[in-house]
Amino acid sequence: MLYCEKCGLMEFPKICPATIIAVRDGNR
């Protein structure tokens, strides 16, 4: 974690949730 001594803000590593999408249509 990184923090700011002046205002107290705490920062943690960024992880962005995302989707991988397989769209099916029968055999396609």
mmCIF file of all heavy atoms, coordinates in Angstrom:
data_MODEL
# 
_entry.id   MODEL 
# 
loop_
_atom_site.group_PDB 
_atom_site.id 
_atom_site.type_symbol 
_atom_site.label_atom_id 
_atom_site.label_alt_id 
_atom_site.label_comp_id 
_atom_site.label_asym_id 
_atom_site.label_entity_id 
_atom_site.label_seq_id 
_atom_site.pdbx_PDB_ins_code 
_atom_site.Cartn_x 
_atom_site.Cartn_y 
_atom_site.Cartn_z 
_atom_site.occupancy 
_atom_site.B_iso_or_equiv 
_atom_site.pdbx_formal_charge 
_atom_site.auth_seq_id 
_atom_site.auth_comp_id 
_atom_site.auth_asym_id 
_atom_site.auth_atom_id 
_atom_site.pdbx_PDB_model_num 
ATOM 1   N N   . MET A 1 1  ? 0.845   -1.181  0.000   1.00 0.00 ? 1  MET A N   1 
ATOM 2   C CA  . MET A 1 1  ? 0.000   0.000   0.000   1.00 0.00 ? 1  MET A CA  1 
ATOM 3   C C   . MET A 1 1  ? 0.887   1.239   0.000   1.00 0.00 ? 1  MET A C   1 
ATOM 4   O O   . MET A 1 1  ? 1.957   1.249   0.605   1.00 0.00 ? 1  MET A O   1 
ATOM 5   C CB  . MET A 1 1  ? -0.915  -0.026  1.233   1.00 0.00 ? 1  MET A CB  1 
ATOM 6   C CG  . MET A 1 1  ? -1.858  1.161   1.353   1.00 0.00 ? 1  MET A CG  1 
ATOM 7   S SD  . MET A 1 1  ? -1.273  2.387   2.526   1.00 0.00 ? 1  MET A SD  1 
ATOM 8   C CE  . MET A 1 1  ? -1.602  1.541   4.082   1.00 0.00 ? 1  MET A CE  1 
ATOM 9   N N   . LEU A 1 2  ? 0.447   2.271   -0.696  1.00 0.00 ? 2  LEU A N   1 
ATOM 10  C CA  . LEU A 1 2  ? 1.090   3.576   -0.651  1.00 0.00 ? 2  LEU A CA  1 
ATOM 11  C C   . LEU A 1 2  ? 0.159   4.524   0.088   1.00 0.00 ? 2  LEU A C   1 
ATOM 12  O O   . LEU A 1 2  ? -1.059  4.487   -0.117  1.00 0.00 ? 2  LEU A O   1 
ATOM 13  C CB  . LEU A 1 2  ? 1.369   4.093   -2.064  1.00 0.00 ? 2  LEU A CB  1 
ATOM 14  C CG  . LEU A 1 2  ? 2.371   3.291   -2.891  1.00 0.00 ? 2  LEU A CG  1 
ATOM 15  C CD1 . LEU A 1 2  ? 2.392   3.792   -4.334  1.00 0.00 ? 2  LEU A CD1 1 
ATOM 16  C CD2 . LEU A 1 2  ? 3.755   3.363   -2.288  1.00 0.00 ? 2  LEU A CD2 1 
ATOM 17  N N   . TYR A 1 3  ? 0.724   5.377   0.930   1.00 0.00 ? 3  TYR A N   1 
ATOM 18  C CA  . TYR A 1 3  ? -0.116  6.278   1.703   1.00 0.00 ? 3  TYR A CA  1 
ATOM 19  C C   . TYR A 1 3  ? 0.464   7.689   1.684   1.00 0.00 ? 3  TYR A C   1 
ATOM 20  O O   . TYR A 1 3  ? 1.657   7.900   1.434   1.00 0.00 ? 3  TYR A O   1 
ATOM 21  C CB  . TYR A 1 3  ? -0.265  5.788   3.142   1.00 0.00 ? 3  TYR A CB  1 
ATOM 22  C CG  . TYR A 1 3  ? 1.021   5.799   3.939   1.00 0.00 ? 3  TYR A CG  1 
ATOM 23  C CD1 . TYR A 1 3  ? 1.377   6.906   4.718   1.00 0.00 ? 3  TYR A CD1 1 
ATOM 24  C CD2 . TYR A 1 3  ? 1.877   4.701   3.924   1.00 0.00 ? 3  TYR A CD2 1 
ATOM 25  C CE1 . TYR A 1 3  ? 2.561   6.918   5.447   1.00 0.00 ? 3  TYR A CE1 1 
ATOM 26  C CE2 . TYR A 1 3  ? 3.056   4.713   4.643   1.00 0.00 ? 3  TYR A CE2 1 
ATOM 27  C CZ  . TYR A 1 3  ? 3.396   5.821   5.400   1.00 0.00 ? 3  TYR A CZ  1 
ATOM 28  O OH  . TYR A 1 3  ? 4.567   5.833   6.112   1.00 0.00 ? 3  TYR A OH  1 
ATOM 29  N N   . CYS A 1 4  ? -0.402  8.640   1.934   1.00 0.00 ? 4  CYS A N   1 
ATOM 30  C CA  . CYS A 1 4  ? -0.013  10.048  1.979   1.00 0.00 ? 4  CYS A CA  1 
ATOM 31  C C   . CYS A 1 4  ? 0.066   10.493  3.436   1.00 0.00 ? 4  CYS A C   1 
ATOM 32  O O   . CYS A 1 4  ? -0.926  10.419  4.166   1.00 0.00 ? 4  CYS A O   1 
ATOM 33  C CB  . CYS A 1 4  ? -1.026  10.903  1.215   1.00 0.00 ? 4  CYS A CB  1 
ATOM 34  S SG  . CYS A 1 4  ? -0.686  12.679  1.301   1.00 0.00 ? 4  CYS A SG  1 
ATOM 35  N N   . GLU A 1 5  ? 1.246   10.930  3.858   1.00 0.00 ? 5  GLU A N   1 
ATOM 36  C CA  . GLU A 1 5  ? 1.413   11.377  5.244   1.00 0.00 ? 5  GLU A CA  1 
ATOM 37  C C   . GLU A 1 5  ? 0.639   12.660  5.527   1.00 0.00 ? 5  GLU A C   1 
ATOM 38  O O   . GLU A 1 5  ? 0.253   12.920  6.660   1.00 0.00 ? 5  GLU A O   1 
ATOM 39  C CB  . GLU A 1 5  ? 2.898   11.595  5.539   1.00 0.00 ? 5  GLU A CB  1 
ATOM 40  C CG  . GLU A 1 5  ? 3.720   10.314  5.600   1.00 0.00 ? 5  GLU A CG  1 
ATOM 41  C CD  . GLU A 1 5  ? 5.166   10.581  5.951   1.00 0.00 ? 5  GLU A CD  1 
ATOM 42  O OE1 . GLU A 1 5  ? 5.701   11.617  5.485   1.00 0.00 ? 5  GLU A OE1 1 
ATOM 43  O OE2 . GLU A 1 5  ? 5.755   9.771   6.689   1.00 0.00 ? 5  GLU A OE2 1 
ATOM 44  N N   . LYS A 1 6  ? 0.383   13.438  4.482   1.00 0.00 ? 6  LYS A N   1 
ATOM 45  C CA  . LYS A 1 6  ? -0.263  14.735  4.678   1.00 0.00 ? 6  LYS A CA  1 
ATOM 46  C C   . LYS A 1 6  ? -1.770  14.610  4.865   1.00 0.00 ? 6  LYS A C   1 
ATOM 47  O O   . LYS A 1 6  ? -2.332  15.181  5.811   1.00 0.00 ? 6  LYS A O   1 
ATOM 48  C CB  . LYS A 1 6  ? 0.043   15.660  3.507   1.00 0.00 ? 6  LYS A CB  1 
ATOM 49  C CG  . LYS A 1 6  ? -0.493  17.075  3.681   1.00 0.00 ? 6  LYS A CG  1 
ATOM 50  C CD  . LYS A 1 6  ? -0.050  17.975  2.536   1.00 0.00 ? 6  LYS A CD  1 
ATOM 51  C CE  . LYS A 1 6  ? -0.560  19.397  2.728   1.00 0.00 ? 6  LYS A CE  1 
ATOM 52  N NZ  . LYS A 1 6  ? -0.114  20.300  1.626   1.00 0.00 ? 6  LYS A NZ  1 
ATOM 53  N N   . CYS A 1 7  ? -2.439  13.886  3.977   1.00 0.00 ? 7  CYS A N   1 
ATOM 54  C CA  . CYS A 1 7  ? -3.905  13.825  4.052   1.00 0.00 ? 7  CYS A CA  1 
ATOM 55  C C   . CYS A 1 7  ? -4.450  12.450  4.423   1.00 0.00 ? 7  CYS A C   1 
ATOM 56  O O   . CYS A 1 7  ? -5.652  12.283  4.610   1.00 0.00 ? 7  CYS A O   1 
ATOM 57  C CB  . CYS A 1 7  ? -4.528  14.297  2.745   1.00 0.00 ? 7  CYS A CB  1 
ATOM 58  S SG  . CYS A 1 7  ? -4.358  13.135  1.367   1.00 0.00 ? 7  CYS A SG  1 
ATOM 59  N N   . GLY A 1 8  ? -3.570  11.430  4.503   1.00 0.00 ? 8  GLY A N   1 
ATOM 60  C CA  . GLY A 1 8  ? -4.006  10.117  4.951   1.00 0.00 ? 8  GLY A CA  1 
ATOM 61  C C   . GLY A 1 8  ? -4.565  9.204   3.874   1.00 0.00 ? 8  GLY A C   1 
ATOM 62  O O   . GLY A 1 8  ? -5.020  8.097   4.178   1.00 0.00 ? 8  GLY A O   1 
ATOM 63  N N   . LEU A 1 9  ? -4.545  9.618   2.605   1.00 0.00 ? 9  LEU A N   1 
ATOM 64  C CA  . LEU A 1 9  ? -5.079  8.773   1.533   1.00 0.00 ? 9  LEU A CA  1 
ATOM 65  C C   . LEU A 1 9  ? -4.256  7.495   1.406   1.00 0.00 ? 9  LEU A C   1 
ATOM 66  O O   . LEU A 1 9  ? -3.030  7.542   1.456   1.00 0.00 ? 9  LEU A O   1 
ATOM 67  C CB  . LEU A 1 9  ? -5.065  9.534   0.211   1.00 0.00 ? 9  LEU A CB  1 
ATOM 68  C CG  . LEU A 1 9  ? -5.632  8.779   -1.001  1.00 0.00 ? 9  LEU A CG  1 
ATOM 69  C CD1 . LEU A 1 9  ? -7.136  8.600   -0.855  1.00 0.00 ? 9  LEU A CD1 1 
ATOM 70  C CD2 . LEU A 1 9  ? -5.303  9.503   -2.299  1.00 0.00 ? 9  LEU A CD2 1 
ATOM 71  N N   . MET A 1 10 ? -4.943  6.356   1.234   1.00 0.00 ? 10 MET A N   1 
ATOM 72  C CA  . MET A 1 10 ? -4.270  5.069   1.034   1.00 0.00 ? 10 MET A CA  1 
ATOM 73  C C   . MET A 1 10 ? -4.583  4.555   -0.366  1.00 0.00 ? 10 MET A C   1 
ATOM 74  O O   . MET A 1 10 ? -5.723  4.607   -0.818  1.00 0.00 ? 10 MET A O   1 
ATOM 75  C CB  . MET A 1 10 ? -4.735  4.060   2.083   1.00 0.00 ? 10 MET A CB  1 
ATOM 76  C CG  . MET A 1 10 ? -4.366  4.439   3.504   1.00 0.00 ? 10 MET A CG  1 
ATOM 77  S SD  . MET A 1 10 ? -4.845  3.175   4.713   1.00 0.00 ? 10 MET A SD  1 
ATOM 78  C CE  . MET A 1 10 ? -6.641  3.285   4.619   1.00 0.00 ? 10 MET A CE  1 
ATOM 79  N N   . GLU A 1 11 ? -3.564  4.058   -1.046  1.00 0.00 ? 11 GLU A N   1 
ATOM 80  C CA  . GLU A 1 11 ? -3.723  3.531   -2.397  1.00 0.00 ? 11 GLU A CA  1 
ATOM 81  C C   . GLU A 1 11 ? -3.235  2.095   -2.443  1.00 0.00 ? 11 GLU A C   1 
ATOM 82  O O   . GLU A 1 11 ? -2.151  1.779   -1.946  1.00 0.00 ? 11 GLU A O   1 
ATOM 83  C CB  . GLU A 1 11 ? -2.924  4.365   -3.405  1.00 0.00 ? 11 GLU A CB  1 
ATOM 84  C CG  . GLU A 1 11 ? -3.449  5.770   -3.631  1.00 0.00 ? 11 GLU A CG  1 
ATOM 85  C CD  . GLU A 1 11 ? -4.660  5.809   -4.556  1.00 0.00 ? 11 GLU A CD  1 
ATOM 86  O OE1 . GLU A 1 11 ? -5.090  4.725   -5.012  1.00 0.00 ? 11 GLU A OE1 1 
ATOM 87  O OE2 . GLU A 1 11 ? -5.164  6.909   -4.806  1.00 0.00 ? 11 GLU A OE2 1 
ATOM 88  N N   . PHE A 1 12 ? -4.054  1.217   -3.068  1.00 0.00 ? 12 PHE A N   1 
ATOM 89  C CA  . PHE A 1 12 ? -3.697  -0.180  -3.237  1.00 0.00 ? 12 PHE A CA  1 
ATOM 90  C C   . PHE A 1 12 ? -3.594  -0.490  -4.736  1.00 0.00 ? 12 PHE A C   1 
ATOM 91  O O   . PHE A 1 12 ? -4.171  0.225   -5.559  1.00 0.00 ? 12 PHE A O   1 
ATOM 92  C CB  . PHE A 1 12 ? -4.748  -1.079  -2.582  1.00 0.00 ? 12 PHE A CB  1 
ATOM 93  C CG  . PHE A 1 12 ? -4.809  -0.921  -1.089  1.00 0.00 ? 12 PHE A CG  1 
ATOM 94  C CD1 . PHE A 1 12 ? -5.604  0.069   -0.499  1.00 0.00 ? 12 PHE A CD1 1 
ATOM 95  C CD2 . PHE A 1 12 ? -4.060  -1.741  -0.266  1.00 0.00 ? 12 PHE A CD2 1 
ATOM 96  C CE1 . PHE A 1 12 ? -5.660  0.225   0.872   1.00 0.00 ? 12 PHE A CE1 1 
ATOM 97  C CE2 . PHE A 1 12 ? -4.105  -1.592  1.117   1.00 0.00 ? 12 PHE A CE2 1 
ATOM 98  C CZ  . PHE A 1 12 ? -4.904  -0.611  1.686   1.00 0.00 ? 12 PHE A CZ  1 
ATOM 99  N N   . PRO A 1 13 ? -2.883  -1.556  -5.115  1.00 0.00 ? 13 PRO A N   1 
ATOM 100 C CA  . PRO A 1 13 ? -2.733  -1.874  -6.543  1.00 0.00 ? 13 PRO A CA  1 
ATOM 101 C C   . PRO A 1 13 ? -4.073  -1.966  -7.258  1.00 0.00 ? 13 PRO A C   1 
ATOM 102 O O   . PRO A 1 13 ? -5.046  -2.501  -6.732  1.00 0.00 ? 13 PRO A O   1 
ATOM 103 C CB  . PRO A 1 13 ? -2.010  -3.225  -6.532  1.00 0.00 ? 13 PRO A CB  1 
ATOM 104 C CG  . PRO A 1 13 ? -1.197  -3.177  -5.278  1.00 0.00 ? 13 PRO A CG  1 
ATOM 105 C CD  . PRO A 1 13 ? -2.068  -2.458  -4.276  1.00 0.00 ? 13 PRO A CD  1 
ATOM 106 N N   . LYS A 1 14 ? -4.090  -1.441  -8.477  1.00 0.00 ? 14 LYS A N   1 
ATOM 107 C CA  . LYS A 1 14 ? -5.312  -1.387  -9.271  1.00 0.00 ? 14 LYS A CA  1 
ATOM 108 C C   . LYS A 1 14 ? -5.547  -2.710  -9.986  1.00 0.00 ? 14 LYS A C   1 
ATOM 109 O O   . LYS A 1 14 ? -4.646  -3.245  -10.635 1.00 0.00 ? 14 LYS A O   1 
ATOM 110 C CB  . LYS A 1 14 ? -5.197  -0.266  -10.315 1.00 0.00 ? 14 LYS A CB  1 
ATOM 111 C CG  . LYS A 1 14 ? -6.407  -0.127  -11.220 1.00 0.00 ? 14 LYS A CG  1 
ATOM 112 C CD  . LYS A 1 14 ? -6.181  0.967   -12.262 1.00 0.00 ? 14 LYS A CD  1 
ATOM 113 C CE  . LYS A 1 14 ? -5.162  0.582   -13.291 1.00 0.00 ? 14 LYS A CE  1 
ATOM 114 N NZ  . LYS A 1 14 ? -5.038  1.541   -14.398 1.00 0.00 ? 14 LYS A NZ  1 
ATOM 115 N N   . ILE A 1 15 ? -6.761  -3.232  -9.864  1.00 0.00 ? 15 ILE A N   1 
ATOM 116 C CA  . ILE A 1 15 ? -7.182  -4.413  -10.616 1.00 0.00 ? 15 ILE A CA  1 
ATOM 117 C C   . ILE A 1 15 ? -8.533  -4.107  -11.246 1.00 0.00 ? 15 ILE A C   1 
ATOM 118 O O   . ILE A 1 15 ? -9.493  -3.790  -10.536 1.00 0.00 ? 15 ILE A O   1 
ATOM 119 C CB  . ILE A 1 15 ? -7.293  -5.655  -9.717  1.00 0.00 ? 15 ILE A CB  1 
ATOM 120 C CG1 . ILE A 1 15 ? -5.953  -5.937  -9.025  1.00 0.00 ? 15 ILE A CG1 1 
ATOM 121 C CG2 . ILE A 1 15 ? -7.719  -6.877  -10.539 1.00 0.00 ? 15 ILE A CG2 1 
ATOM 122 C CD1 . ILE A 1 15 ? -6.023  -7.038  -7.997  1.00 0.00 ? 15 ILE A CD1 1 
ATOM 123 N N   . CYS A 1 16 ? -8.628  -4.183  -12.566 1.00 0.00 ? 16 CYS A N   1 
ATOM 124 C CA  . CYS A 1 16 ? -9.861  -3.838  -13.278 1.00 0.00 ? 16 CYS A CA  1 
ATOM 125 C C   . CYS A 1 16 ? -10.609 -5.113  -13.672 1.00 0.00 ? 16 CYS A C   1 
ATOM 126 O O   . CYS A 1 16 ? -10.058 -5.959  -14.387 1.00 0.00 ? 16 CYS A O   1 
ATOM 127 C CB  . CYS A 1 16 ? -9.537  -3.036  -14.534 1.00 0.00 ? 16 CYS A CB  1 
ATOM 128 S SG  . CYS A 1 16 ? -8.602  -1.529  -14.232 1.00 0.00 ? 16 CYS A SG  1 
ATOM 129 N N   . PRO A 1 17 ? -11.859 -5.286  -13.230 1.00 0.00 ? 17 PRO A N   1 
ATOM 130 C CA  . PRO A 1 17 ? -12.639 -6.454  -13.658 1.00 0.00 ? 17 PRO A CA  1 
ATOM 131 C C   . PRO A 1 17 ? -13.118 -6.301  -15.098 1.00 0.00 ? 17 PRO A C   1 
ATOM 132 O O   . PRO A 1 17 ? -13.593 -5.243  -15.502 1.00 0.00 ? 17 PRO A O   1 
ATOM 133 C CB  . PRO A 1 17 ? -13.818 -6.463  -12.680 1.00 0.00 ? 17 PRO A CB  1 
ATOM 134 C CG  . PRO A 1 17 ? -13.973 -5.028  -12.266 1.00 0.00 ? 17 PRO A CG  1 
ATOM 135 C CD  . PRO A 1 17 ? -12.597 -4.431  -12.282 1.00 0.00 ? 17 PRO A CD  1 
ATOM 136 N N   . ALA A 1 18 ? -12.966 -7.370  -15.867 1.00 0.00 ? 18 ALA A N   1 
ATOM 137 C CA  . ALA A 1 18 ? -13.375 -7.346  -17.277 1.00 0.00 ? 18 ALA A CA  1 
ATOM 138 C C   . ALA A 1 18 ? -13.887 -8.722  -17.681 1.00 0.00 ? 18 ALA A C   1 
ATOM 139 O O   . ALA A 1 18 ? -13.579 -9.734  -17.042 1.00 0.00 ? 18 ALA A O   1 
ATOM 140 C CB  . ALA A 1 18 ? -12.217 -6.917  -18.169 1.00 0.00 ? 18 ALA A CB  1 
ATOM 141 N N   . THR A 1 19 ? -14.659 -8.754  -18.750 1.00 0.00 ? 19 THR A N   1 
ATOM 142 C CA  . THR A 1 19 ? -15.254 -9.998  -19.217 1.00 0.00 ? 19 THR A CA  1 
ATOM 143 C C   . THR A 1 19 ? -14.659 -10.436 -20.552 1.00 0.00 ? 19 THR A C   1 
ATOM 144 O O   . THR A 1 19 ? -14.306 -9.617  -21.392 1.00 0.00 ? 19 THR A O   1 
ATOM 145 C CB  . THR A 1 19 ? -16.772 -9.835  -19.410 1.00 0.00 ? 19 THR A CB  1 
ATOM 146 O OG1 . THR A 1 19 ? -17.024 -8.712  -20.286 1.00 0.00 ? 19 THR A OG1 1 
ATOM 147 C CG2 . THR A 1 19 ? -17.461 -9.582  -18.081 1.00 0.00 ? 19 THR A CG2 1 
ATOM 148 N N   . ILE A 1 20 ? -14.544 -11.749 -20.720 1.00 0.00 ? 20 ILE A N   1 
ATOM 149 C CA  . ILE A 1 20 ? -14.271 -12.389 -22.007 1.00 0.00 ? 20 ILE A CA  1 
ATOM 150 C C   . ILE A 1 20 ? -15.543 -13.158 -22.359 1.00 0.00 ? 20 ILE A C   1 
ATOM 151 O O   . ILE A 1 20 ? -16.031 -13.959 -21.546 1.00 0.00 ? 20 ILE A O   1 
ATOM 152 C CB  . ILE A 1 20 ? -13.065 -13.338 -21.932 1.00 0.00 ? 20 ILE A CB  1 
ATOM 153 C CG1 . ILE A 1 20 ? -11.801 -12.581 -21.545 1.00 0.00 ? 20 ILE A CG1 1 
ATOM 154 C CG2 . ILE A 1 20 ? -12.882 -14.068 -23.256 1.00 0.00 ? 20 ILE A CG2 1 
ATOM 155 C CD1 . ILE A 1 20 ? -11.331 -11.581 -22.578 1.00 0.00 ? 20 ILE A CD1 1 
ATOM 156 N N   . ILE A 1 21 ? -16.087 -12.924 -23.538 1.00 0.00 ? 21 ILE A N   1 
ATOM 157 C CA  . ILE A 1 21 ? -17.440 -13.398 -23.838 1.00 0.00 ? 21 ILE A CA  1 
ATOM 158 C C   . ILE A 1 21 ? -17.454 -14.260 -25.091 1.00 0.00 ? 21 ILE A C   1 
ATOM 159 O O   . ILE A 1 21 ? -17.143 -13.793 -26.195 1.00 0.00 ? 21 ILE A O   1 
ATOM 160 C CB  . ILE A 1 21 ? -18.400 -12.204 -24.039 1.00 0.00 ? 21 ILE A CB  1 
ATOM 161 C CG1 . ILE A 1 21 ? -18.276 -11.219 -22.867 1.00 0.00 ? 21 ILE A CG1 1 
ATOM 162 C CG2 . ILE A 1 21 ? -19.833 -12.701 -24.183 1.00 0.00 ? 21 ILE A CG2 1 
ATOM 163 C CD1 . ILE A 1 21 ? -18.841 -9.849  -23.160 1.00 0.00 ? 21 ILE A CD1 1 
ATOM 164 N N   . ALA A 1 22 ? -17.814 -15.527 -24.923 1.00 0.00 ? 22 ALA A N   1 
ATOM 165 C CA  . ALA A 1 22 ? -17.966 -16.456 -26.043 1.00 0.00 ? 22 ALA A CA  1 
ATOM 166 C C   . ALA A 1 22 ? -19.451 -16.585 -26.360 1.00 0.00 ? 22 ALA A C   1 
ATOM 167 O O   . ALA A 1 22 ? -20.205 -17.208 -25.609 1.00 0.00 ? 22 ALA A O   1 
ATOM 168 C CB  . ALA A 1 22 ? -17.367 -17.807 -25.696 1.00 0.00 ? 22 ALA A CB  1 
ATOM 169 N N   . VAL A 1 23 ? -19.881 -15.995 -27.466 1.00 0.00 ? 23 VAL A N   1 
ATOM 170 C CA  . VAL A 1 23 ? -21.284 -16.037 -27.871 1.00 0.00 ? 23 VAL A CA  1 
ATOM 171 C C   . VAL A 1 23 ? -21.492 -17.233 -28.799 1.00 0.00 ? 23 VAL A C   1 
ATOM 172 O O   . VAL A 1 23 ? -20.868 -17.330 -29.860 1.00 0.00 ? 23 VAL A O   1 
ATOM 173 C CB  . VAL A 1 23 ? -21.700 -14.742 -28.588 1.00 0.00 ? 23 VAL A CB  1 
ATOM 174 C CG1 . VAL A 1 23 ? -23.184 -14.791 -28.954 1.00 0.00 ? 23 VAL A CG1 1 
ATOM 175 C CG2 . VAL A 1 23 ? -21.404 -13.527 -27.707 1.00 0.00 ? 23 VAL A CG2 1 
ATOM 176 N N   . ARG A 1 24 ? -22.393 -18.144 -28.390 1.00 0.00 ? 24 ARG A N   1 
ATOM 177 C CA  . ARG A 1 24 ? -22.663 -19.351 -29.165 1.00 0.00 ? 24 ARG A CA  1 
ATOM 178 C C   . ARG A 1 24 ? -24.027 -19.262 -29.855 1.00 0.00 ? 24 ARG A C   1 
ATOM 179 O O   . ARG A 1 24 ? -24.941 -18.615 -29.371 1.00 0.00 ? 24 ARG A O   1 
ATOM 180 C CB  . ARG A 1 24 ? -22.673 -20.584 -28.253 1.00 0.00 ? 24 ARG A CB  1 
ATOM 181 C CG  . ARG A 1 24 ? -21.419 -20.768 -27.418 1.00 0.00 ? 24 ARG A CG  1 
ATOM 182 C CD  . ARG A 1 24 ? -21.588 -21.878 -26.401 1.00 0.00 ? 24 ARG A CD  1 
ATOM 183 N NE  . ARG A 1 24 ? -22.620 -21.569 -25.410 1.00 0.00 ? 24 ARG A NE  1 
ATOM 184 C CZ  . ARG A 1 24 ? -22.780 -22.210 -24.264 1.00 0.00 ? 24 ARG A CZ  1 
ATOM 185 N NH1 . ARG A 1 24 ? -21.984 -23.228 -23.961 1.00 0.00 ? 24 ARG A NH1 1 
ATOM 186 N NH2 . ARG A 1 24 ? -23.731 -21.883 -23.425 1.00 0.00 ? 24 ARG A NH2 1 
ATOM 187 N N   . ASP A 1 25 ? -24.116 -19.944 -30.977 1.00 0.00 ? 25 ASP A N   1 
ATOM 188 C CA  . ASP A 1 25 ? -25.403 -20.135 -31.652 1.00 0.00 ? 25 ASP A CA  1 
ATOM 189 C C   . ASP A 1 25 ? -25.405 -21.552 -32.198 1.00 0.00 ? 25 ASP A C   1 
ATOM 190 O O   . ASP A 1 25 ? -24.985 -21.800 -33.324 1.00 0.00 ? 25 ASP A O   1 
ATOM 191 C CB  . ASP A 1 25 ? -25.592 -19.123 -32.780 1.00 0.00 ? 25 ASP A CB  1 
ATOM 192 C CG  . ASP A 1 25 ? -26.923 -19.309 -33.507 1.00 0.00 ? 25 ASP A CG  1 
ATOM 193 O OD1 . ASP A 1 25 ? -27.900 -19.727 -32.848 1.00 0.00 ? 25 ASP A OD1 1 
ATOM 194 O OD2 . ASP A 1 25 ? -26.976 -19.052 -34.718 1.00 0.00 ? 25 ASP A OD2 1 
ATOM 195 N N   . GLY A 1 26 ? -25.812 -22.500 -31.350 1.00 0.00 ? 26 GLY A N   1 
ATOM 196 C CA  . GLY A 1 26 ? -25.739 -23.901 -31.736 1.00 0.00 ? 26 GLY A CA  1 
ATOM 197 C C   . GLY A 1 26 ? -24.299 -24.337 -31.937 1.00 0.00 ? 26 GLY A C   1 
ATOM 198 O O   . GLY A 1 26 ? -23.497 -24.330 -31.006 1.00 0.00 ? 26 GLY A O   1 
ATOM 199 N N   . ASN A 1 27 ? -23.962 -24.677 -33.173 1.00 0.00 ? 27 ASN A N   1 
ATOM 200 C CA  . ASN A 1 27 ? -22.624 -25.152 -33.519 1.00 0.00 ? 27 ASN A CA  1 
ATOM 201 C C   . ASN A 1 27 ? -21.696 -24.018 -33.949 1.00 0.00 ? 27 ASN A C   1 
ATOM 202 O O   . ASN A 1 27 ? -20.580 -24.263 -34.405 1.00 0.00 ? 27 ASN A O   1 
ATOM 203 C CB  . ASN A 1 27 ? -22.710 -26.195 -34.647 1.00 0.00 ? 27 ASN A CB  1 
ATOM 204 C CG  . ASN A 1 27 ? -21.480 -27.084 -34.712 1.00 0.00 ? 27 ASN A CG  1 
ATOM 205 O OD1 . ASN A 1 27 ? -21.065 -27.643 -33.695 1.00 0.00 ? 27 ASN A OD1 1 
ATOM 206 N ND2 . ASN A 1 27 ? -20.889 -27.204 -35.896 1.00 0.00 ? 27 ASN A ND2 1 
ATOM 207 N N   . ARG A 1 28 ? -22.165 -22.779 -33.783 1.00 0.00 ? 28 ARG A N   1 
ATOM 208 C CA  . ARG A 1 28 ? -21.369 -21.633 -34.226 1.00 0.00 ? 28 ARG A CA  1 
ATOM 209 C C   . ARG A 1 28 ? -20.851 -20.837 -33.031 1.00 0.00 ? 28 ARG A C   1 
ATOM 210 O O   . ARG A 1 28 ? -21.471 -20.801 -31.972 1.00 0.00 ? 28 ARG A O   1 
ATOM 211 C CB  . ARG A 1 28 ? -22.195 -20.711 -35.122 1.00 0.00 ? 28 ARG A CB  1 
ATOM 212 C CG  . ARG A 1 28 ? -22.701 -21.358 -36.401 1.00 0.00 ? 28 ARG A CG  1 
ATOM 213 C CD  . ARG A 1 28 ? -23.284 -20.311 -37.348 1.00 0.00 ? 28 ARG A CD  1 
ATOM 214 N NE  . ARG A 1 28 ? -24.394 -19.579 -36.741 1.00 0.00 ? 28 ARG A NE  1 
ATOM 215 C CZ  . ARG A 1 28 ? -24.944 -18.476 -37.281 1.00 0.00 ? 28 ARG A CZ  1 
ATOM 216 N NH1 . ARG A 1 28 ? -24.482 -18.002 -38.430 1.00 0.00 ? 28 ARG A NH1 1 
ATOM 217 N NH2 . ARG A 1 28 ? -25.964 -17.880 -36.683 1.00 0.00 ? 28 ARG A NH2 1 
# 
